[in-house]
């Protein structure tokens, strides 16, 4: 039970992060869009997986940023590189999620 408590505490903490909040808002917007265009069950599966993946990677990215900030208060090229790579993970997942959304929408208008 303690592991769940710790996980929920971590979730509460990370939900204060602006980037995580942004991804959550975009996820809610995707769900609203999915309701509007009436996704089928397989499209919903793809949407849920994409939303979960993007938010999860954003949380991991936030953890990397905090860990890097423990290393140095000032500018460090290696720390910048680590943060950029972690951000790239979120970008790749977000672009894949966007592709899923575009495909779902195009199926309805073409």
PDB file of N, CA and C in Angstrom:
ATOM      1  N   UNK A   1       0.828  -1.198   0.000  1.00  0.00           N
ATOM      2  CA  UNK A   1       0.000   0.000   0.000  1.00  0.00           C
ATOM      3  C   UNK A   1       0.871   1.259   0.000  1.00  0.00           C
ATOM      4  N   UNK A   2       2.034   1.200   0.649  1.00  0.00           N
ATOM      5  CA  UNK A   2       2.919   2.355   0.713  1.00  0.00           C
ATOM      6  C   UNK A   2       3.387   2.763  -0.680  1.00  0.00           C
ATOM      7  N   UNK A   3       3.600   1.780  -1.559  1.00  0.00           N
ATOM      8  CA  UNK A   3       4.055   2.089  -2.913  1.00  0.00           C
ATOM      9  C   UNK A   3       3.008   2.917  -3.662  1.00  0.00           C
ATOM     10  N   UNK A   4       1.736   2.585  -3.456  1.00  0.00           N
ATOM     11  CA  UNK A   4       0.678   3.373  -4.084  1.00  0.00           C
ATOM     12  C   UNK A   4       0.648   4.785  -3.517  1.00  0.00           C
ATOM     13  N   UNK A   5       0.803   4.883  -2.206  1.00  0.00           N
ATOM     14  CA  UNK A   5       0.831   6.203  -1.565  1.00  0.00           C
ATOM     15  C   UNK A   5       1.977   7.036  -2.114  1.00  0.00           C
ATOM     16  N   UNK A   6       3.159   6.415  -2.223  1.00  0.00           N
ATOM     17  CA  UNK A   6       4.321   7.124  -2.769  1.00  0.00           C
ATOM     18  C   UNK A   6       4.073   7.556  -4.212  1.00  0.00           C
ATOM     19  N   UNK A   7       3.478   6.659  -4.993  1.00  0.00           N
ATOM     20  CA  UNK A   7       3.202   6.980  -6.398  1.00  0.00           C
ATOM     21  C   UNK A   7       2.209   8.141  -6.513  1.00  0.00           C
ATOM     22  N   UNK A   8       1.172   8.126  -5.691  1.00  0.00           N
ATOM     23  CA  UNK A   8       0.205   9.226  -5.731  1.00  0.00           C
ATOM     24  C   UNK A   8       0.816  10.530  -5.234  1.00  0.00           C
ATOM     25  N   UNK A   9       1.716  10.437  -4.262  1.00  0.00           N
ATOM     26  CA  UNK A   9       2.433  11.635  -3.818  1.00  0.00           C
ATOM     27  C   UNK A   9       3.284  12.191  -4.952  1.00  0.00           C
ATOM     28  N   UNK A  10       3.951  11.294  -5.679  1.00  0.00           N
ATOM     29  CA  UNK A  10       4.739  11.728  -6.836  1.00  0.00           C
ATOM     30  C   UNK A  10       3.866  12.358  -7.899  1.00  0.00           C
ATOM     31  N   UNK A  11       2.689  11.783  -8.134  1.00  0.00           N
ATOM     32  CA  UNK A  11       1.760  12.340  -9.116  1.00  0.00           C
ATOM     33  C   UNK A  11       1.294  13.726  -8.694  1.00  0.00           C
ATOM     34  N   UNK A  12       0.979  13.888  -7.409  1.00  0.00           N
ATOM     35  CA  UNK A  12       0.593  15.213  -6.901  1.00  0.00           C
ATOM     36  C   UNK A  12       1.704  16.226  -7.126  1.00  0.00           C
ATOM     37  N   UNK A  13       2.922  15.801  -6.859  1.00  0.00           N
ATOM     38  CA  UNK A  13       4.084  16.687  -7.017  1.00  0.00           C
ATOM     39  C   UNK A  13       4.304  17.074  -8.469  1.00  0.00           C
ATOM     40  N   UNK A  14       4.245  16.100  -9.351  1.00  0.00           N
ATOM     41  CA  UNK A  14       4.557  16.383 -10.757  1.00  0.00           C
ATOM     42  C   UNK A  14       3.431  17.154 -11.443  1.00  0.00           C
ATOM     43  N   UNK A  15       2.216  17.070 -10.913  1.00  0.00           N
ATOM     44  CA  UNK A  15       1.114  17.828 -11.508  1.00  0.00           C
ATOM     45  C   UNK A  15       1.256  19.332 -11.276  1.00  0.00           C
ATOM     46  N   UNK A  16       2.220  19.723 -10.440  1.00  0.00           N
ATOM     47  CA  UNK A  16       2.525  21.140 -10.261  1.00  0.00           C
ATOM     48  C   UNK A  16       3.392  21.667 -11.400  1.00  0.00           C
ATOM     49  N   UNK A  17       3.990  20.760 -12.160  1.00  0.00           N
ATOM     50  CA  UNK A  17       4.897  21.118 -13.252  1.00  0.00           C
ATOM     51  C   UNK A  17       4.100  21.613 -14.455  1.00  0.00           C
ATOM     52  N   UNK A  18       4.494  22.771 -14.973  1.00  0.00           N
ATOM     53  CA  UNK A  18       3.783  23.414 -16.079  1.00  0.00           C
ATOM     54  C   UNK A  18       3.719  22.529 -17.335  1.00  0.00           C
ATOM     55  N   UNK A  19       4.817  21.846 -17.647  1.00  0.00           N
ATOM     56  CA  UNK A  19       4.842  21.001 -18.844  1.00  0.00           C
ATOM     57  C   UNK A  19       3.894  19.813 -18.713  1.00  0.00           C
ATOM     58  N   UNK A  20       3.840  19.222 -17.535  1.00  0.00           N
ATOM     59  CA  UNK A  20       2.925  18.107 -17.303  1.00  0.00           C
ATOM     60  C   UNK A  20       1.482  18.602 -17.376  1.00  0.00           C
ATOM     61  N   UNK A  21       1.216  19.757 -16.791  1.00  0.00           N
ATOM     62  CA  UNK A  21      -0.122  20.340 -16.873  1.00  0.00           C
ATOM     63  C   UNK A  21      -0.531  20.556 -18.328  1.00  0.00           C
ATOM     64  N   UNK A  22       0.398  21.072 -19.120  1.00  0.00           N
ATOM     65  CA  UNK A  22       0.119  21.321 -20.541  1.00  0.00           C
ATOM     66  C   UNK A  22      -0.225  20.024 -21.262  1.00  0.00           C
ATOM     67  N   UNK A  23       0.560  18.974 -21.020  1.00  0.00           N
ATOM     68  CA  UNK A  23       0.282  17.701 -21.682  1.00  0.00           C
ATOM     69  C   UNK A  23      -1.055  17.117 -21.224  1.00  0.00           C
ATOM     70  N   UNK A  24      -1.397  17.304 -19.954  1.00  0.00           N
ATOM     71  CA  UNK A  24      -2.697  16.837 -19.452  1.00  0.00           C
ATOM     72  C   UNK A  24      -3.838  17.584 -20.131  1.00  0.00           C
ATOM     73  N   UNK A  25      -3.689  18.881 -20.292  1.00  0.00           N
ATOM     74  CA  UNK A  25      -4.714  19.682 -20.976  1.00  0.00           C
ATOM     75  C   UNK A  25      -4.856  19.231 -22.421  1.00  0.00           C
ATOM     76  N   UNK A  26      -3.736  19.005 -23.088  1.00  0.00           N
ATOM     77  CA  UNK A  26      -3.785  18.524 -24.475  1.00  0.00           C
ATOM     78  C   UNK A  26      -4.437  17.147 -24.544  1.00  0.00           C
ATOM     79  N   UNK A  27      -4.191  16.310 -23.538  1.00  0.00           N
ATOM     80  CA  UNK A  27      -4.835  15.003 -23.488  1.00  0.00           C
ATOM     81  C   UNK A  27      -6.344  15.115 -23.340  1.00  0.00           C
ATOM     82  N   UNK A  28      -6.782  16.017 -22.475  1.00  0.00           N
ATOM     83  CA  UNK A  28      -8.227  16.241 -22.302  1.00  0.00           C
ATOM     84  C   UNK A  28      -8.836  16.773 -23.606  1.00  0.00           C
ATOM     85  N   UNK A  29      -8.123  17.678 -24.274  1.00  0.00           N
ATOM     86  CA  UNK A  29      -8.607  18.200 -25.555  1.00  0.00           C
ATOM     87  C   UNK A  29      -8.717  17.079 -26.594  1.00  0.00           C
ATOM     88  N   UNK A  30      -7.761  16.154 -26.589  1.00  0.00           N
ATOM     89  CA  UNK A  30      -7.809  15.019 -27.516  1.00  0.00           C
ATOM     90  C   UNK A  30      -9.018  14.138 -27.226  1.00  0.00           C
ATOM     91  N   UNK A  31      -9.307  13.928 -25.948  1.00  0.00           N
ATOM     92  CA  UNK A  31     -10.479  13.127 -25.575  1.00  0.00           C
ATOM     93  C   UNK A  31     -11.755  13.827 -26.035  1.00  0.00           C
ATOM     94  N   UNK A  32     -11.852  15.122 -25.820  1.00  0.00           N
ATOM     95  CA  UNK A  32     -13.028  15.878 -26.270  1.00  0.00           C
ATOM     96  C   UNK A  32     -13.157  15.783 -27.793  1.00  0.00           C
ATOM     97  N   UNK A  33     -12.032  15.951 -28.486  1.00  0.00           N
ATOM     98  CA  UNK A  33     -12.047  15.815 -29.942  1.00  0.00           C
ATOM     99  C   UNK A  33     -12.483  14.423 -30.375  1.00  0.00           C
ATOM    100  N   UNK A  34     -12.019  13.400 -29.649  1.00  0.00           N
ATOM    101  CA  UNK A  34     -12.405  12.027 -29.961  1.00  0.00           C
ATOM    102  C   UNK A  34     -13.894  11.791 -29.779  1.00  0.00           C
ATOM    103  N   UNK A  35     -14.446  12.411 -28.748  1.00  0.00           N
ATOM    104  CA  UNK A  35     -15.896  12.309 -28.526  1.00  0.00           C
ATOM    105  C   UNK A  35     -16.642  12.991 -29.664  1.00  0.00           C
ATOM    106  N   UNK A  36     -16.165  14.149 -30.066  1.00  0.00           N
ATOM    107  CA  UNK A  36     -16.823  14.908 -31.132  1.00  0.00           C
ATOM    108  C   UNK A  36     -16.809  14.142 -32.452  1.00  0.00           C
ATOM    109  N   UNK A  37     -15.661  13.545 -32.800  1.00  0.00           N
ATOM    110  CA  UNK A  37     -15.590  12.843 -34.090  1.00  0.00           C
ATOM    111  C   UNK A  37     -16.000  11.374 -33.986  1.00  0.00           C
ATOM    112  N   UNK A  38     -16.391  10.957 -32.803  1.00  0.00           N
ATOM    113  CA  UNK A  38     -16.916   9.612 -32.560  1.00  0.00           C
ATOM    114  C   UNK A  38     -15.927   8.517 -32.957  1.00  0.00           C
ATOM    115  N   UNK A  39     -14.859   8.471 -32.218  1.00  0.00           N
ATOM    116  CA  UNK A  39     -13.845   7.444 -32.458  1.00  0.00           C
ATOM    117  C   UNK A  39     -14.430   6.051 -32.242  1.00  0.00           C
ATOM    118  N   UNK A  40     -13.922   5.077 -33.008  1.00  0.00           N
ATOM    119  CA  UNK A  40     -14.324   3.697 -32.740  1.00  0.00           C
ATOM    120  C   UNK A  40     -13.436   3.135 -31.627  1.00  0.00           C
ATOM    121  N   UNK A  41     -13.699   1.895 -31.212  1.00  0.00           N
ATOM    122  CA  UNK A  41     -12.984   1.356 -30.049  1.00  0.00           C
ATOM    123  C   UNK A  41     -11.477   1.226 -30.279  1.00  0.00           C
ATOM    124  N   UNK A  42     -11.058   0.915 -31.493  1.00  0.00           N
ATOM    125  CA  UNK A  42      -9.626   0.798 -31.758  1.00  0.00           C
ATOM    126  C   UNK A  42      -8.940   2.161 -31.782  1.00  0.00           C
ATOM    127  N   UNK A  43      -9.637   3.146 -32.278  1.00  0.00           N
ATOM    128  CA  UNK A  43      -9.090   4.505 -32.247  1.00  0.00           C
ATOM    129  C   UNK A  43      -8.970   4.995 -30.805  1.00  0.00           C
ATOM    130  N   UNK A  44      -9.962   4.659 -29.966  1.00  0.00           N
ATOM    131  CA  UNK A  44      -9.878   5.035 -28.553  1.00  0.00           C
ATOM    132  C   UNK A  44      -8.679   4.369 -27.887  1.00  0.00           C
ATOM    133  N   UNK A  45      -8.453   3.113 -28.229  1.00  0.00           N
ATOM    134  CA  UNK A  45      -7.277   2.430 -27.676  1.00  0.00           C
ATOM    135  C   UNK A  45      -5.999   3.167 -28.061  1.00  0.00           C
ATOM    136  N   UNK A  46      -5.900   3.546 -29.330  1.00  0.00           N
ATOM    137  CA  UNK A  46      -4.715   4.281 -29.792  1.00  0.00           C
ATOM    138  C   UNK A  46      -4.605   5.622 -29.071  1.00  0.00           C
ATOM    139  N   UNK A  47      -5.716   6.333 -28.933  1.00  0.00           N
ATOM    140  CA  UNK A  47      -5.702   7.633 -28.245  1.00  0.00           C
ATOM    141  C   UNK A  47      -5.261   7.483 -26.793  1.00  0.00           C
ATOM    142  N   UNK A  48      -5.827   6.506 -26.083  1.00  0.00           N
ATOM    143  CA  UNK A  48      -5.494   6.313 -24.669  1.00  0.00           C
ATOM    144  C   UNK A  48      -4.017   5.959 -24.519  1.00  0.00           C
ATOM    145  N   UNK A  49      -3.515   5.086 -25.369  1.00  0.00           N
ATOM    146  CA  UNK A  49      -2.104   4.716 -25.313  1.00  0.00           C
ATOM    147  C   UNK A  49      -1.227   5.928 -25.593  1.00  0.00           C
ATOM    148  N   UNK A  50      -1.566   6.696 -26.620  1.00  0.00           N
ATOM    149  CA  UNK A  50      -0.768   7.880 -26.959  1.00  0.00           C
ATOM    150  C   UNK A  50      -0.790   8.916 -25.844  1.00  0.00           C
ATOM    151  N   UNK A  51      -1.955   9.195 -25.305  1.00  0.00           N
ATOM    152  CA  UNK A  51      -2.066  10.182 -24.227  1.00  0.00           C
ATOM    153  C   UNK A  51      -1.265   9.716 -23.011  1.00  0.00           C
ATOM    154  N   UNK A  52      -1.431   8.454 -22.638  1.00  0.00           N
ATOM    155  CA  UNK A  52      -0.692   7.917 -21.502  1.00  0.00           C
ATOM    156  C   UNK A  52       0.812   7.949 -21.725  1.00  0.00           C
ATOM    157  N   UNK A  53       1.238   7.631 -22.942  1.00  0.00           N
ATOM    158  CA  UNK A  53       2.661   7.633 -23.256  1.00  0.00           C
ATOM    159  C   UNK A  53       3.253   9.035 -23.183  1.00  0.00           C
ATOM    160  N   UNK A  54       2.574   9.999 -23.790  1.00  0.00           N
ATOM    161  CA  UNK A  54       3.094  11.370 -23.795  1.00  0.00           C
ATOM    162  C   UNK A  54       3.164  11.929 -22.367  1.00  0.00           C
ATOM    163  N   UNK A  55       2.113  11.739 -21.588  1.00  0.00           N
ATOM    164  CA  UNK A  55       2.119  12.250 -20.207  1.00  0.00           C
ATOM    165  C   UNK A  55       3.174  11.534 -19.378  1.00  0.00           C
ATOM    166  N   UNK A  56       3.296  10.221 -19.539  1.00  0.00           N
ATOM    167  CA  UNK A  56       4.318   9.471 -18.803  1.00  0.00           C
ATOM    168  C   UNK A  56       5.718   9.949 -19.148  1.00  0.00           C
ATOM    169  N   UNK A  57       5.988  10.156 -20.424  1.00  0.00           N
ATOM    170  CA  UNK A  57       7.311  10.632 -20.818  1.00  0.00           C
ATOM    171  C   UNK A  57       7.565  12.056 -20.324  1.00  0.00           C
ATOM    172  N   UNK A  58       6.525  12.862 -20.267  1.00  0.00           N
ATOM    173  CA  UNK A  58       6.691  14.212 -19.724  1.00  0.00           C
ATOM    174  C   UNK A  58       7.032  14.148 -18.237  1.00  0.00           C
ATOM    175  N   UNK A  59       6.428  13.205 -17.532  1.00  0.00           N
ATOM    176  CA  UNK A  59       6.752  13.021 -16.115  1.00  0.00           C
ATOM    177  C   UNK A  59       8.199  12.574 -15.961  1.00  0.00           C
ATOM    178  N   UNK A  60       8.631  11.628 -16.785  1.00  0.00           N
ATOM    179  CA  UNK A  60      10.026  11.177 -16.743  1.00  0.00           C
ATOM    180  C   UNK A  60      10.966  12.337 -17.080  1.00  0.00           C
ATOM    181  N   UNK A  61      10.591  13.132 -18.070  1.00  0.00           N
ATOM    182  CA  UNK A  61      11.396  14.296 -18.443  1.00  0.00           C
ATOM    183  C   UNK A  61      11.531  15.252 -17.255  1.00  0.00           C
ATOM    184  N   UNK A  62      10.447  15.481 -16.543  1.00  0.00           N
ATOM    185  CA  UNK A  62      10.489  16.355 -15.366  1.00  0.00           C
ATOM    186  C   UNK A  62      11.405  15.778 -14.291  1.00  0.00           C
ATOM    187  N   UNK A  63      11.365  14.459 -14.122  1.00  0.00           N
ATOM    188  CA  UNK A  63      12.248  13.827 -13.138  1.00  0.00           C
ATOM    189  C   UNK A  63      13.716  13.997 -13.543  1.00  0.00           C
ATOM    190  N   UNK A  64      14.016  13.822 -14.830  1.00  0.00           N
ATOM    191  CA  UNK A  64      15.382  14.032 -15.313  1.00  0.00           C
ATOM    192  C   UNK A  64      15.829  15.470 -15.071  1.00  0.00           C
ATOM    193  N   UNK A  65      14.945  16.416 -15.346  1.00  0.00           N
ATOM    194  CA  UNK A  65      15.303  17.820 -15.137  1.00  0.00           C
ATOM    195  C   UNK A  65      15.616  18.098 -13.671  1.00  0.00           C
ATOM    196  N   UNK A  66      14.798  17.566 -12.778  1.00  0.00           N
ATOM    197  CA  UNK A  66      15.050  17.775 -11.342  1.00  0.00           C
ATOM    198  C   UNK A  66      16.342  17.103 -10.905  1.00  0.00           C
ATOM    199  N   UNK A  67      16.582  15.913 -11.434  1.00  0.00           N
ATOM    200  CA  UNK A  67      17.819  15.212 -11.106  1.00  0.00           C
ATOM    201  C   UNK A  67      19.032  15.990 -11.607  1.00  0.00           C
ATOM    202  N   UNK A  68      18.943  16.511 -12.817  1.00  0.00           N
ATOM    203  CA  UNK A  68      20.038  17.309 -13.367  1.00  0.00           C
ATOM    204  C   UNK A  68      20.258  18.581 -12.553  1.00  0.00           C
ATOM    205  N   UNK A  69      19.179  19.178 -12.079  1.00  0.00           N
ATOM    206  CA  UNK A  69      19.305  20.402 -11.284  1.00  0.00           C
ATOM    207  C   UNK A  69      20.005  20.150  -9.950  1.00  0.00           C
ATOM    208  N   UNK A  70      19.986  18.908  -9.475  1.00  0.00           N
ATOM    209  CA  UNK A  70      20.739  18.570  -8.268  1.00  0.00           C
ATOM    210  C   UNK A  70      22.244  18.597  -8.538  1.00  0.00           C
ATOM    211  N   UNK A  71      22.611  18.355  -9.778  1.00  0.00           N
ATOM    212  CA  UNK A  71      24.013  18.291 -10.171  1.00  0.00           C
ATOM    213  C   UNK A  71      24.669  19.661 -10.186  1.00  0.00           C
ATOM    214  N   UNK A  72      23.954  20.651 -10.690  1.00  0.00           N
ATOM    215  CA  UNK A  72      24.528  21.986 -10.789  1.00  0.00           C
ATOM    216  C   UNK A  72      23.435  23.050 -10.761  1.00  0.00           C
ATOM    217  N   UNK A  73      23.769  24.194 -10.194  1.00  0.00           N
ATOM    218  CA  UNK A  73      22.859  25.343 -10.206  1.00  0.00           C
ATOM    219  C   UNK A  73      23.094  26.204 -11.439  1.00  0.00           C
ATOM    220  N   UNK A  74      24.305  26.165 -11.962  1.00  0.00           N
ATOM    221  CA  UNK A  74      24.665  26.998 -13.101  1.00  0.00           C
ATOM    222  C   UNK A  74      24.488  26.250 -14.408  1.00  0.00           C
ATOM    223  N   UNK A  75      24.960  26.888 -15.481  1.00  0.00           N
ATOM    224  CA  UNK A  75      24.869  26.290 -16.814  1.00  0.00           C
ATOM    225  C   UNK A  75      25.947  25.228 -16.971  1.00  0.00           C
ATOM    226  N   UNK A  76      25.557  24.087 -17.503  1.00  0.00           N
ATOM    227  CA  UNK A  76      26.497  23.013 -17.782  1.00  0.00           C
ATOM    228  C   UNK A  76      26.086  22.382 -19.108  1.00  0.00           C
ATOM    229  N   UNK A  77      27.008  22.313 -20.043  1.00  0.00           N
ATOM    230  CA  UNK A  77      26.705  21.805 -21.383  1.00  0.00           C
ATOM    231  C   UNK A  77      26.229  20.344 -21.341  1.00  0.00           C
ATOM    232  N   UNK A  78      26.814  19.540 -20.466  1.00  0.00           N
ATOM    233  CA  UNK A  78      26.404  18.139 -20.360  1.00  0.00           C
ATOM    234  C   UNK A  78      24.983  18.024 -19.806  1.00  0.00           C
ATOM    235  N   UNK A  79      24.673  18.843 -18.818  1.00  0.00           N
ATOM    236  CA  UNK A  79      23.324  18.847 -18.249  1.00  0.00           C
ATOM    237  C   UNK A  79      22.322  19.300 -19.300  1.00  0.00           C
ATOM    238  N   UNK A  80      22.678  20.321 -20.064  1.00  0.00           N
ATOM    239  CA  UNK A  80      21.794  20.794 -21.143  1.00  0.00           C
ATOM    240  C   UNK A  80      21.527  19.674 -22.139  1.00  0.00           C
ATOM    241  N   UNK A  81      22.568  18.935 -22.492  1.00  0.00           N
ATOM    242  CA  UNK A  81      22.426  17.832 -23.435  1.00  0.00           C
ATOM    243  C   UNK A  81      21.487  16.760 -22.891  1.00  0.00           C
ATOM    244  N   UNK A  82      21.632  16.412 -21.614  1.00  0.00           N
ATOM    245  CA  UNK A  82      20.756  15.413 -20.988  1.00  0.00           C
ATOM    246  C   UNK A  82      19.305  15.894 -21.001  1.00  0.00           C
ATOM    247  N   UNK A  83      19.088  17.152 -20.640  1.00  0.00           N
ATOM    248  CA  UNK A  83      17.730  17.705 -20.629  1.00  0.00           C
ATOM    249  C   UNK A  83      17.145  17.745 -22.038  1.00  0.00           C
ATOM    250  N   UNK A  84      17.963  18.097 -23.026  1.00  0.00           N
ATOM    251  CA  UNK A  84      17.493  18.142 -24.405  1.00  0.00           C
ATOM    252  C   UNK A  84      17.095  16.752 -24.905  1.00  0.00           C
ATOM    253  N   UNK A  85      17.896  15.748 -24.554  1.00  0.00           N
ATOM    254  CA  UNK A  85      17.583  14.374 -24.970  1.00  0.00           C
ATOM    255  C   UNK A  85      16.285  13.906 -24.318  1.00  0.00           C
ATOM    256  N   UNK A  86      16.107  14.202 -23.041  1.00  0.00           N
ATOM    257  CA  UNK A  86      14.863  13.819 -22.352  1.00  0.00           C
ATOM    258  C   UNK A  86      13.664  14.529 -22.978  1.00  0.00           C
ATOM    259  N   UNK A  87      13.842  15.788 -23.349  1.00  0.00           N
ATOM    260  CA  UNK A  87      12.766  16.524 -24.017  1.00  0.00           C
ATOM    261  C   UNK A  87      12.456  15.932 -25.389  1.00  0.00           C
ATOM    262  N   UNK A  88      13.489  15.438 -26.056  1.00  0.00           N
ATOM    263  CA  UNK A  88      13.286  14.825 -27.373  1.00  0.00           C
ATOM    264  C   UNK A  88      12.389  13.595 -27.277  1.00  0.00           C
ATOM    265  N   UNK A  89      12.483  12.860 -26.177  1.00  0.00           N
ATOM    266  CA  UNK A  89      11.595  11.703 -25.970  1.00  0.00           C
ATOM    267  C   UNK A  89      10.133  12.128 -25.985  1.00  0.00           C
ATOM    268  N   UNK A  90       9.843  13.214 -25.303  1.00  0.00           N
ATOM    269  CA  UNK A  90       8.475  13.726 -25.262  1.00  0.00           C
ATOM    270  C   UNK A  90       8.049  14.179 -26.654  1.00  0.00           C
ATOM    271  N   UNK A  91       8.949  14.862 -27.353  1.00  0.00           N
ATOM    272  CA  UNK A  91       8.638  15.346 -28.695  1.00  0.00           C
ATOM    273  C   UNK A  91       8.303  14.198 -29.642  1.00  0.00           C
ATOM    274  N   UNK A  92       9.096  13.138 -29.630  1.00  0.00           N
ATOM    275  CA  UNK A  92       8.850  11.995 -30.517  1.00  0.00           C
ATOM    276  C   UNK A  92       7.484  11.374 -30.222  1.00  0.00           C
ATOM    277  N   UNK A  93       7.184  11.187 -28.947  1.00  0.00           N
ATOM    278  CA  UNK A  93       5.884  10.616 -28.572  1.00  0.00           C
ATOM    279  C   UNK A  93       4.743  11.552 -28.958  1.00  0.00           C
ATOM    280  N   UNK A  94       4.929  12.852 -28.760  1.00  0.00           N
ATOM    281  CA  UNK A  94       3.884  13.822 -29.111  1.00  0.00           C
ATOM    282  C   UNK A  94       3.640  13.843 -30.616  1.00  0.00           C
ATOM    283  N   UNK A  95       4.695  13.737 -31.404  1.00  0.00           N
ATOM    284  CA  UNK A  95       4.531  13.705 -32.864  1.00  0.00           C
ATOM    285  C   UNK A  95       3.818  12.433 -33.309  1.00  0.00           C
ATOM    286  N   UNK A  96       4.132  11.312 -32.665  1.00  0.00           N
ATOM    287  CA  UNK A  96       3.427  10.069 -32.969  1.00  0.00           C
ATOM    288  C   UNK A  96       1.949  10.186 -32.588  1.00  0.00           C
ATOM    289  N   UNK A  97       1.680  10.793 -31.441  1.00  0.00           N
ATOM    290  CA  UNK A  97       0.288  10.997 -31.008  1.00  0.00           C
ATOM    291  C   UNK A  97      -0.449  11.912 -31.983  1.00  0.00           C
ATOM    292  N   UNK A  98       0.243  12.949 -32.435  1.00  0.00           N
ATOM    293  CA  UNK A  98      -0.360  13.851 -33.420  1.00  0.00           C
ATOM    294  C   UNK A  98      -0.686  13.099 -34.709  1.00  0.00           C
ATOM    295  N   UNK A  99       0.206  12.215 -35.128  1.00  0.00           N
ATOM    296  CA  UNK A  99      -0.046  11.419 -36.342  1.00  0.00           C
ATOM    297  C   UNK A  99      -1.288  10.553 -36.172  1.00  0.00           C
ATOM    298  N   UNK A 100      -1.447   9.948 -34.983  1.00  0.00           N
ATOM    299  CA  UNK A 100      -2.638   9.136 -34.706  1.00  0.00           C
ATOM    300  C   UNK A 100      -3.895  10.001 -34.808  1.00  0.00           C
ATOM    301  N   UNK A 101      -3.837  11.210 -34.252  1.00  0.00           N
ATOM    302  CA  UNK A 101      -4.986  12.127 -34.315  1.00  0.00           C
ATOM    303  C   UNK A 101      -5.299  12.507 -35.761  1.00  0.00           C
ATOM    304  N   UNK A 102      -4.285  12.836 -36.519  1.00  0.00           N
ATOM    305  CA  UNK A 102      -4.479  13.235 -37.920  1.00  0.00           C
ATOM    306  C   UNK A 102      -5.102  12.084 -38.706  1.00  0.00           C
ATOM    307  N   UNK A 103      -4.601  10.873 -38.509  1.00  0.00           N
ATOM    308  CA  UNK A 103      -5.146   9.719 -39.210  1.00  0.00           C
ATOM    309  C   UNK A 103      -6.616   9.522 -38.851  1.00  0.00           C
ATOM    310  N   UNK A 104      -6.958   9.632 -37.567  1.00  0.00           N
ATOM    311  CA  UNK A 104      -8.349   9.463 -37.126  1.00  0.00           C
ATOM    312  C   UNK A 104      -9.249  10.521 -37.746  1.00  0.00           C
ATOM    313  N   UNK A 105      -8.783  11.743 -37.812  1.00  0.00           N
ATOM    314  CA  UNK A 105      -9.594  12.826 -38.402  1.00  0.00           C
ATOM    315  C   UNK A 105      -9.713  12.643 -39.914  1.00  0.00           C
ATOM    316  N   UNK A 106      -8.601  12.334 -40.575  1.00  0.00           N
ATOM    317  CA  UNK A 106      -8.628  12.177 -42.026  1.00  0.00           C
ATOM    318  C   UNK A 106      -9.564  11.038 -42.462  1.00  0.00           C
ATOM    319  N   UNK A 107      -9.661   9.996 -41.656  1.00  0.00           N
ATOM    320  CA  UNK A 107     -10.586   8.896 -41.988  1.00  0.00           C
ATOM    321  C   UNK A 107     -12.020   9.391 -42.097  1.00  0.00           C
ATOM    322  N   UNK A 108     -12.348  10.448 -41.389  1.00  0.00           N
ATOM    323  CA  UNK A 108     -13.713  10.939 -41.381  1.00  0.00           C
ATOM    324  C   UNK A 108     -14.000  12.000 -42.446  1.00  0.00           C
ATOM    325  N   UNK A 109     -12.962  12.638 -42.945  1.00  0.00           N
ATOM    326  CA  UNK A 109     -13.206  13.702 -43.926  1.00  0.00           C
ATOM    327  C   UNK A 109     -12.809  13.315 -45.346  1.00  0.00           C
ATOM    328  N   UNK A 110     -12.154  12.165 -45.499  1.00  0.00           N
ATOM    329  CA  UNK A 110     -11.758  11.737 -46.852  1.00  0.00           C
ATOM    330  C   UNK A 110     -12.660  10.638 -47.325  1.00  0.00           C
TER     331      UNK A 110
END
